[in-house]
Amino acid sequence: MSMMLSKGEQTRLRIGVSRRVFQFTKDKKEAARLFENLFHDIKEHFGVTSYKEVDRRYLLSAIRFIENWVPKKAS
């Protein structure tokens, strides 16, 4: 049975994403692109349409995914 993330857990993921993005850039335009890419990769990896839909059982896995995420090179 799927269990949704609580608001606090959603916030924890959002803060993790923000921290990770700003490890790569301080430029707002570049950060916007990285936010979009990281949220896309989370959704693709966990098979959801929003990071908020990540099953609670996978919270720690999602946190590790974010912490280890590296942006793809621009083509």
PDB file of N, CA and C in Angstrom:
ATOM      1  N   MET A   1       0.842  -1.187   0.000  1.00  0.00           N
ATOM      2  CA  MET A   1       0.000   0.000   0.000  1.00  0.00           C
ATOM      3  C   MET A   1       0.886   1.249   0.000  1.00  0.00           C
ATOM      4  N   SER A   2       0.558   2.160  -0.874  1.00  0.00           N
ATOM      5  CA  SER A   2       1.332   3.393  -1.019  1.00  0.00           C
ATOM      6  C   SER A   2       0.993   4.377   0.099  1.00  0.00           C
ATOM      7  N   MET A   3       2.031   4.986   0.664  1.00  0.00           N
ATOM      8  CA  MET A   3       1.823   5.990   1.709  1.00  0.00           C
ATOM      9  C   MET A   3       2.434   7.300   1.240  1.00  0.00           C
ATOM     10  N   MET A   4       1.619   8.335   1.233  1.00  0.00           N
ATOM     11  CA  MET A   4       2.073   9.650   0.786  1.00  0.00           C
ATOM     12  C   MET A   4       3.002  10.277   1.822  1.00  0.00           C
ATOM     13  N   LEU A   5       3.873  11.143   1.333  1.00  0.00           N
ATOM     14  CA  LEU A   5       4.756  11.894   2.225  1.00  0.00           C
ATOM     15  C   LEU A   5       3.950  12.920   3.010  1.00  0.00           C
ATOM     16  N   SER A   6       4.333  13.146   4.242  1.00  0.00           N
ATOM     17  CA  SER A   6       3.712  14.215   5.033  1.00  0.00           C
ATOM     18  C   SER A   6       4.231  15.550   4.509  1.00  0.00           C
ATOM     19  N   LYS A   7       3.599  16.633   4.912  1.00  0.00           N
ATOM     20  CA  LYS A   7       4.054  17.977   4.510  1.00  0.00           C
ATOM     21  C   LYS A   7       5.502  18.200   4.942  1.00  0.00           C
ATOM     22  N   GLY A   8       5.848  17.753   6.136  1.00  0.00           N
ATOM     23  CA  GLY A   8       7.210  17.902   6.633  1.00  0.00           C
ATOM     24  C   GLY A   8       8.218  17.133   5.793  1.00  0.00           C
ATOM     25  N   GLU A   9       7.836  15.937   5.359  1.00  0.00           N
ATOM     26  CA  GLU A   9       8.722  15.131   4.514  1.00  0.00           C
ATOM     27  C   GLU A   9       8.872  15.756   3.131  1.00  0.00           C
ATOM     28  N   GLN A  10       7.779  16.315   2.614  1.00  0.00           N
ATOM     29  CA  GLN A  10       7.845  17.028   1.331  1.00  0.00           C
ATOM     30  C   GLN A  10       8.799  18.214   1.443  1.00  0.00           C
ATOM     31  N   THR A  11       8.705  18.934   2.546  1.00  0.00           N
ATOM     32  CA  THR A  11       9.591  20.076   2.781  1.00  0.00           C
ATOM     33  C   THR A  11      11.037  19.614   2.872  1.00  0.00           C
ATOM     34  N   ARG A  12      11.255  18.501   3.533  1.00  0.00           N
ATOM     35  CA  ARG A  12      12.611  17.951   3.658  1.00  0.00           C
ATOM     36  C   ARG A  12      13.215  17.672   2.276  1.00  0.00           C
ATOM     37  N   LEU A  13      12.416  17.098   1.374  1.00  0.00           N
ATOM     38  CA  LEU A  13      12.905  16.843   0.018  1.00  0.00           C
ATOM     39  C   LEU A  13      13.171  18.152  -0.722  1.00  0.00           C
ATOM     40  N   ARG A  14      12.253  19.103  -0.594  1.00  0.00           N
ATOM     41  CA  ARG A  14      12.405  20.398  -1.274  1.00  0.00           C
ATOM     42  C   ARG A  14      13.673  21.113  -0.814  1.00  0.00           C
ATOM     43  N   ILE A  15      13.930  21.091   0.478  1.00  0.00           N
ATOM     44  CA  ILE A  15      15.138  21.730   1.019  1.00  0.00           C
ATOM     45  C   ILE A  15      16.381  20.994   0.508  1.00  0.00           C
ATOM     46  N   GLY A  16      16.315  19.680   0.453  1.00  0.00           N
ATOM     47  CA  GLY A  16      17.428  18.898  -0.080  1.00  0.00           C
ATOM     48  C   GLY A  16      17.724  19.247  -1.529  1.00  0.00           C
ATOM     49  N   VAL A  17      16.670  19.405  -2.319  1.00  0.00           N
ATOM     50  CA  VAL A  17      16.835  19.795  -3.722  1.00  0.00           C
ATOM     51  C   VAL A  17      17.496  21.163  -3.805  1.00  0.00           C
ATOM     52  N   SER A  18      17.014  22.097  -3.016  1.00  0.00           N
ATOM     53  CA  SER A  18      17.574  23.453  -3.024  1.00  0.00           C
ATOM     54  C   SER A  18      19.051  23.445  -2.646  1.00  0.00           C
ATOM     55  N   ARG A  19      19.387  22.735  -1.606  1.00  0.00           N
ATOM     56  CA  ARG A  19      20.797  22.652  -1.176  1.00  0.00           C
ATOM     57  C   ARG A  19      21.667  22.064  -2.278  1.00  0.00           C
ATOM     58  N   ARG A  20      21.166  21.002  -2.912  1.00  0.00           N
ATOM     59  CA  ARG A  20      21.953  20.344  -3.951  1.00  0.00           C
ATOM     60  C   ARG A  20      22.158  21.272  -5.145  1.00  0.00           C
ATOM     61  N   VAL A  21      21.105  21.921  -5.591  1.00  0.00           N
ATOM     62  CA  VAL A  21      21.212  22.830  -6.736  1.00  0.00           C
ATOM     63  C   VAL A  21      22.230  23.922  -6.454  1.00  0.00           C
ATOM     64  N   PHE A  22      22.164  24.518  -5.268  1.00  0.00           N
ATOM     65  CA  PHE A  22      23.056  25.637  -4.966  1.00  0.00           C
ATOM     66  C   PHE A  22      24.483  25.191  -4.638  1.00  0.00           C
ATOM     67  N   GLN A  23      24.721  23.883  -4.596  1.00  0.00           N
ATOM     68  CA  GLN A  23      26.101  23.393  -4.532  1.00  0.00           C
ATOM     69  C   GLN A  23      26.775  23.540  -5.896  1.00  0.00           C
ATOM     70  N   PHE A  24      25.959  23.627  -6.947  1.00  0.00           N
ATOM     71  CA  PHE A  24      26.493  23.717  -8.304  1.00  0.00           C
ATOM     72  C   PHE A  24      26.538  25.137  -8.845  1.00  0.00           C
ATOM     73  N   THR A  25      25.661  26.012  -8.403  1.00  0.00           N
ATOM     74  CA  THR A  25      25.620  27.365  -8.958  1.00  0.00           C
ATOM     75  C   THR A  25      24.944  28.332  -8.000  1.00  0.00           C
ATOM     76  N   LYS A  26      25.294  29.598  -8.150  1.00  0.00           N
ATOM     77  CA  LYS A  26      24.601  30.672  -7.434  1.00  0.00           C
ATOM     78  C   LYS A  26      23.818  31.534  -8.430  1.00  0.00           C
ATOM     79  N   ASP A  27      24.042  31.275  -9.720  1.00  0.00           N
ATOM     80  CA  ASP A  27      23.362  32.013 -10.780  1.00  0.00           C
ATOM     81  C   ASP A  27      21.885  31.610 -10.841  1.00  0.00           C
ATOM     82  N   LYS A  28      20.992  32.590 -10.763  1.00  0.00           N
ATOM     83  CA  LYS A  28      19.553  32.298 -10.695  1.00  0.00           C
ATOM     84  C   LYS A  28      19.039  31.590 -11.943  1.00  0.00           C
ATOM     85  N   LYS A  29      19.509  32.005 -13.103  1.00  0.00           N
ATOM     86  CA  LYS A  29      19.053  31.392 -14.353  1.00  0.00           C
ATOM     87  C   LYS A  29      19.500  29.927 -14.426  1.00  0.00           C
ATOM     88  N   GLU A  30      20.743  29.700 -14.101  1.00  0.00           N
ATOM     89  CA  GLU A  30      21.285  28.341 -14.106  1.00  0.00           C
ATOM     90  C   GLU A  30      20.601  27.498 -13.025  1.00  0.00           C
ATOM     91  N   ALA A  31      20.360  28.080 -11.859  1.00  0.00           N
ATOM     92  CA  ALA A  31      19.690  27.359 -10.774  1.00  0.00           C
ATOM     93  C   ALA A  31      18.291  26.927 -11.202  1.00  0.00           C
ATOM     94  N   ALA A  32      17.573  27.795 -11.901  1.00  0.00           N
ATOM     95  CA  ALA A  32      16.222  27.460 -12.361  1.00  0.00           C
ATOM     96  C   ALA A  32      16.260  26.228 -13.264  1.00  0.00           C
ATOM     97  N   ARG A  33      17.249  26.170 -14.141  1.00  0.00           N
ATOM     98  CA  ARG A  33      17.395  25.021 -15.042  1.00  0.00           C
ATOM     99  C   ARG A  33      17.724  23.755 -14.243  1.00  0.00           C
ATOM    100  N   LEU A  34      18.598  23.897 -13.253  1.00  0.00           N
ATOM    101  CA  LEU A  34      18.975  22.737 -12.438  1.00  0.00           C
ATOM    102  C   LEU A  34      17.810  22.238 -11.583  1.00  0.00           C
ATOM    103  N   PHE A  35      17.016  23.167 -11.030  1.00  0.00           N
ATOM    104  CA  PHE A  35      15.823  22.763 -10.273  1.00  0.00           C
ATOM    105  C   PHE A  35      14.907  21.931 -11.168  1.00  0.00           C
ATOM    106  N   GLU A  36      14.659  22.434 -12.367  1.00  0.00           N
ATOM    107  CA  GLU A  36      13.786  21.735 -13.309  1.00  0.00           C
ATOM    108  C   GLU A  36      14.338  20.338 -13.614  1.00  0.00           C
ATOM    109  N   ASN A  37      15.635  20.263 -13.862  1.00  0.00           N
ATOM    110  CA  ASN A  37      16.256  18.975 -14.188  1.00  0.00           C
ATOM    111  C   ASN A  37      16.212  17.997 -13.016  1.00  0.00           C
ATOM    112  N   LEU A  38      16.515  18.484 -11.829  1.00  0.00           N
ATOM    113  CA  LEU A  38      16.528  17.590 -10.669  1.00  0.00           C
ATOM    114  C   LEU A  38      15.123  17.092 -10.345  1.00  0.00           C
ATOM    115  N   PHE A  39      14.136  17.981 -10.363  1.00  0.00           N
ATOM    116  CA  PHE A  39      12.764  17.526 -10.100  1.00  0.00           C
ATOM    117  C   PHE A  39      12.315  16.538 -11.181  1.00  0.00           C
ATOM    118  N   HIS A  40      12.698  16.776 -12.431  1.00  0.00           N
ATOM    119  CA  HIS A  40      12.375  15.844 -13.515  1.00  0.00           C
ATOM    120  C   HIS A  40      13.003  14.475 -13.242  1.00  0.00           C
ATOM    121  N   ASP A  41      14.271  14.478 -12.851  1.00  0.00           N
ATOM    122  CA  ASP A  41      14.972  13.218 -12.590  1.00  0.00           C
ATOM    123  C   ASP A  41      14.368  12.462 -11.408  1.00  0.00           C
ATOM    124  N   ILE A  42      13.935  13.182 -10.383  1.00  0.00           N
ATOM    125  CA  ILE A  42      13.265  12.543  -9.237  1.00  0.00           C
ATOM    126  C   ILE A  42      11.987  11.860  -9.716  1.00  0.00           C
ATOM    127  N   LYS A  43      11.181  12.589 -10.478  1.00  0.00           N
ATOM    128  CA  LYS A  43       9.907  12.040 -10.965  1.00  0.00           C
ATOM    129  C   LYS A  43      10.141  10.812 -11.839  1.00  0.00           C
ATOM    130  N   GLU A  44      11.138  10.897 -12.707  1.00  0.00           N
ATOM    131  CA  GLU A  44      11.445   9.775 -13.594  1.00  0.00           C
ATOM    132  C   GLU A  44      11.956   8.573 -12.793  1.00  0.00           C
ATOM    133  N   HIS A  45      12.866   8.808 -11.878  1.00  0.00           N
ATOM    134  CA  HIS A  45      13.470   7.725 -11.091  1.00  0.00           C
ATOM    135  C   HIS A  45      12.435   6.994 -10.231  1.00  0.00           C
ATOM    136  N   PHE A  46      11.521   7.747  -9.627  1.00  0.00           N
ATOM    137  CA  PHE A  46      10.548   7.148  -8.712  1.00  0.00           C
ATOM    138  C   PHE A  46       9.194   6.877  -9.368  1.00  0.00           C
ATOM    139  N   GLY A  47       9.064   7.185 -10.663  1.00  0.00           N
ATOM    140  CA  GLY A  47       7.837   6.876 -11.396  1.00  0.00           C
ATOM    141  C   GLY A  47       6.618   7.619 -10.890  1.00  0.00           C
ATOM    142  N   VAL A  48       6.797   8.912 -10.596  1.00  0.00           N
ATOM    143  CA  VAL A  48       5.702   9.740 -10.085  1.00  0.00           C
ATOM    144  C   VAL A  48       5.555  10.983 -10.959  1.00  0.00           C
ATOM    145  N   THR A  49       4.444  11.693 -10.802  1.00  0.00           N
ATOM    146  CA  THR A  49       4.240  12.922 -11.572  1.00  0.00           C
ATOM    147  C   THR A  49       4.616  14.166 -10.778  1.00  0.00           C
ATOM    148  N   SER A  50       4.894  13.999  -9.487  1.00  0.00           N
ATOM    149  CA  SER A  50       5.330  15.091  -8.618  1.00  0.00           C
ATOM    150  C   SER A  50       6.197  14.495  -7.512  1.00  0.00           C
ATOM    151  N   TYR A  51       7.207  15.239  -7.085  1.00  0.00           N
ATOM    152  CA  TYR A  51       8.050  14.740  -5.988  1.00  0.00           C
ATOM    153  C   TYR A  51       7.208  14.460  -4.748  1.00  0.00           C
ATOM    154  N   LYS A  52       6.070  15.128  -4.624  1.00  0.00           N
ATOM    155  CA  LYS A  52       5.192  14.943  -3.462  1.00  0.00           C
ATOM    156  C   LYS A  52       4.567  13.549  -3.432  1.00  0.00           C
ATOM    157  N   GLU A  53       4.587  12.866  -4.581  1.00  0.00           N
ATOM    158  CA  GLU A  53       3.981  11.538  -4.685  1.00  0.00           C
ATOM    159  C   GLU A  53       4.950  10.403  -4.371  1.00  0.00           C
ATOM    160  N   VAL A  54       6.209  10.727  -4.089  1.00  0.00           N
ATOM    161  CA  VAL A  54       7.165   9.670  -3.728  1.00  0.00           C
ATOM    162  C   VAL A  54       6.603   8.930  -2.515  1.00  0.00           C
ATOM    163  N   ASP A  55       6.585   7.619  -2.599  1.00  0.00           N
ATOM    164  CA  ASP A  55       6.064   6.808  -1.500  1.00  0.00           C
ATOM    165  C   ASP A  55       6.936   7.010  -0.261  1.00  0.00           C
ATOM    166  N   ARG A  56       6.294   7.143   0.867  1.00  0.00           N
ATOM    167  CA  ARG A  56       6.997   7.373   2.136  1.00  0.00           C
ATOM    168  C   ARG A  56       8.074   6.310   2.391  1.00  0.00           C
ATOM    169  N   ARG A  57       7.830   5.083   1.936  1.00  0.00           N
ATOM    170  CA  ARG A  57       8.820   4.008   2.129  1.00  0.00           C
ATOM    171  C   ARG A  57      10.141   4.324   1.438  1.00  0.00           C
ATOM    172  N   TYR A  58      10.109   5.202   0.443  1.00  0.00           N
ATOM    173  CA  TYR A  58      11.304   5.528  -0.338  1.00  0.00           C
ATOM    174  C   TYR A  58      11.889   6.891   0.012  1.00  0.00           C
ATOM    175  N   LEU A  59      11.479   7.460   1.128  1.00  0.00           N
ATOM    176  CA  LEU A  59      11.960   8.787   1.523  1.00  0.00           C
ATOM    177  C   LEU A  59      13.483   8.821   1.631  1.00  0.00           C
ATOM    178  N   LEU A  60      14.076   7.887   2.342  1.00  0.00           N
ATOM    179  CA  LEU A  60      15.536   7.894   2.503  1.00  0.00           C
ATOM    180  C   LEU A  60      16.240   7.662   1.176  1.00  0.00           C
ATOM    181  N   SER A  61      15.664   6.827   0.343  1.00  0.00           N
ATOM    182  CA  SER A  61      16.217   6.598  -0.988  1.00  0.00           C
ATOM    183  C   SER A  61      16.150   7.886  -1.815  1.00  0.00           C
ATOM    184  N   ALA A  62      15.060   8.622  -1.695  1.00  0.00           N
ATOM    185  CA  ALA A  62      14.917   9.892  -2.417  1.00  0.00           C
ATOM    186  C   ALA A  62      15.935  10.911  -1.915  1.00  0.00           C
ATOM    187  N   ILE A  63      16.155  10.951  -0.624  1.00  0.00           N
ATOM    188  CA  ILE A  63      17.147  11.874  -0.055  1.00  0.00           C
ATOM    189  C   ILE A  63      18.538  11.524  -0.579  1.00  0.00           C
ATOM    190  N   ARG A  64      18.870  10.245  -0.596  1.00  0.00           N
ATOM    191  CA  ARG A  64      20.178   9.821  -1.130  1.00  0.00           C
ATOM    192  C   ARG A  64      20.294  10.154  -2.617  1.00  0.00           C
ATOM    193  N   PHE A  65      19.203   9.950  -3.352  1.00  0.00           N
ATOM    194  CA  PHE A  65      19.193  10.271  -4.782  1.00  0.00           C
ATOM    195  C   PHE A  65      19.528  11.748  -4.982  1.00  0.00           C
ATOM    196  N   ILE A  66      18.892  12.614  -4.208  1.00  0.00           N
ATOM    197  CA  ILE A  66      19.128  14.061  -4.300  1.00  0.00           C
ATOM    198  C   ILE A  66      20.572  14.390  -3.928  1.00  0.00           C
ATOM    199  N   GLU A  67      21.050  13.822  -2.844  1.00  0.00           N
ATOM    200  CA  GLU A  67      22.414  14.116  -2.373  1.00  0.00           C
ATOM    201  C   GLU A  67      23.484  13.687  -3.373  1.00  0.00           C
ATOM    202  N   ASN A  68      23.191  12.655  -4.160  1.00  0.00           N
ATOM    203  CA  ASN A  68      24.165  12.127  -5.119  1.00  0.00           C
ATOM    204  C   ASN A  68      23.926  12.588  -6.553  1.00  0.00           C
ATOM    205  N   TRP A  69      22.873  13.364  -6.760  1.00  0.00           N
ATOM    206  CA  TRP A  69      22.520  13.809  -8.106  1.00  0.00           C
ATOM    207  C   TRP A  69      23.591  14.728  -8.682  1.00  0.00           C
ATOM    208  N   VAL A  70      23.880  14.511  -9.960  1.00  0.00           N
ATOM    209  CA  VAL A  70      24.821  15.361 -10.686  1.00  0.00           C
ATOM    210  C   VAL A  70      24.125  15.812 -11.963  1.00  0.00           C
ATOM    211  N   PRO A  71      24.173  17.110 -12.259  1.00  0.00           N
ATOM    212  CA  PRO A  71      23.496  17.588 -13.473  1.00  0.00           C
ATOM    213  C   PRO A  71      24.119  16.991 -14.733  1.00  0.00           C
ATOM    214  N   LYS A  72      23.251  16.748 -15.706  1.00  0.00           N
ATOM    215  CA  LYS A  72      23.739  16.295 -17.007  1.00  0.00           C
ATOM    216  C   LYS A  72      24.398  17.473 -17.706  1.00  0.00           C
ATOM    217  N   LYS A  73      25.363  17.183 -18.527  1.00  0.00           N
ATOM    218  CA  LYS A  73      26.027  18.237 -19.301  1.00  0.00           C
ATOM    219  C   LYS A  73      25.047  18.797 -20.327  1.00  0.00           C
ATOM    220  N   ALA A  74      25.083  20.108 -20.503  1.00  0.00           N
ATOM    221  CA  ALA A  74      24.231  20.748 -21.512  1.00  0.00           C
ATOM    222  C   ALA A  74      24.674  20.286 -22.895  1.00  0.00           C
ATOM    223  N   SER A  75      23.691  20.010 -23.743  1.00  0.00           N
ATOM    224  CA  SER A  75      24.049  19.549 -25.089  1.00  0.00           C
ATOM    225  C   SER A  75      23.904  20.648 -26.110  1.00  0.00           C
TER     226      SER A  75
END
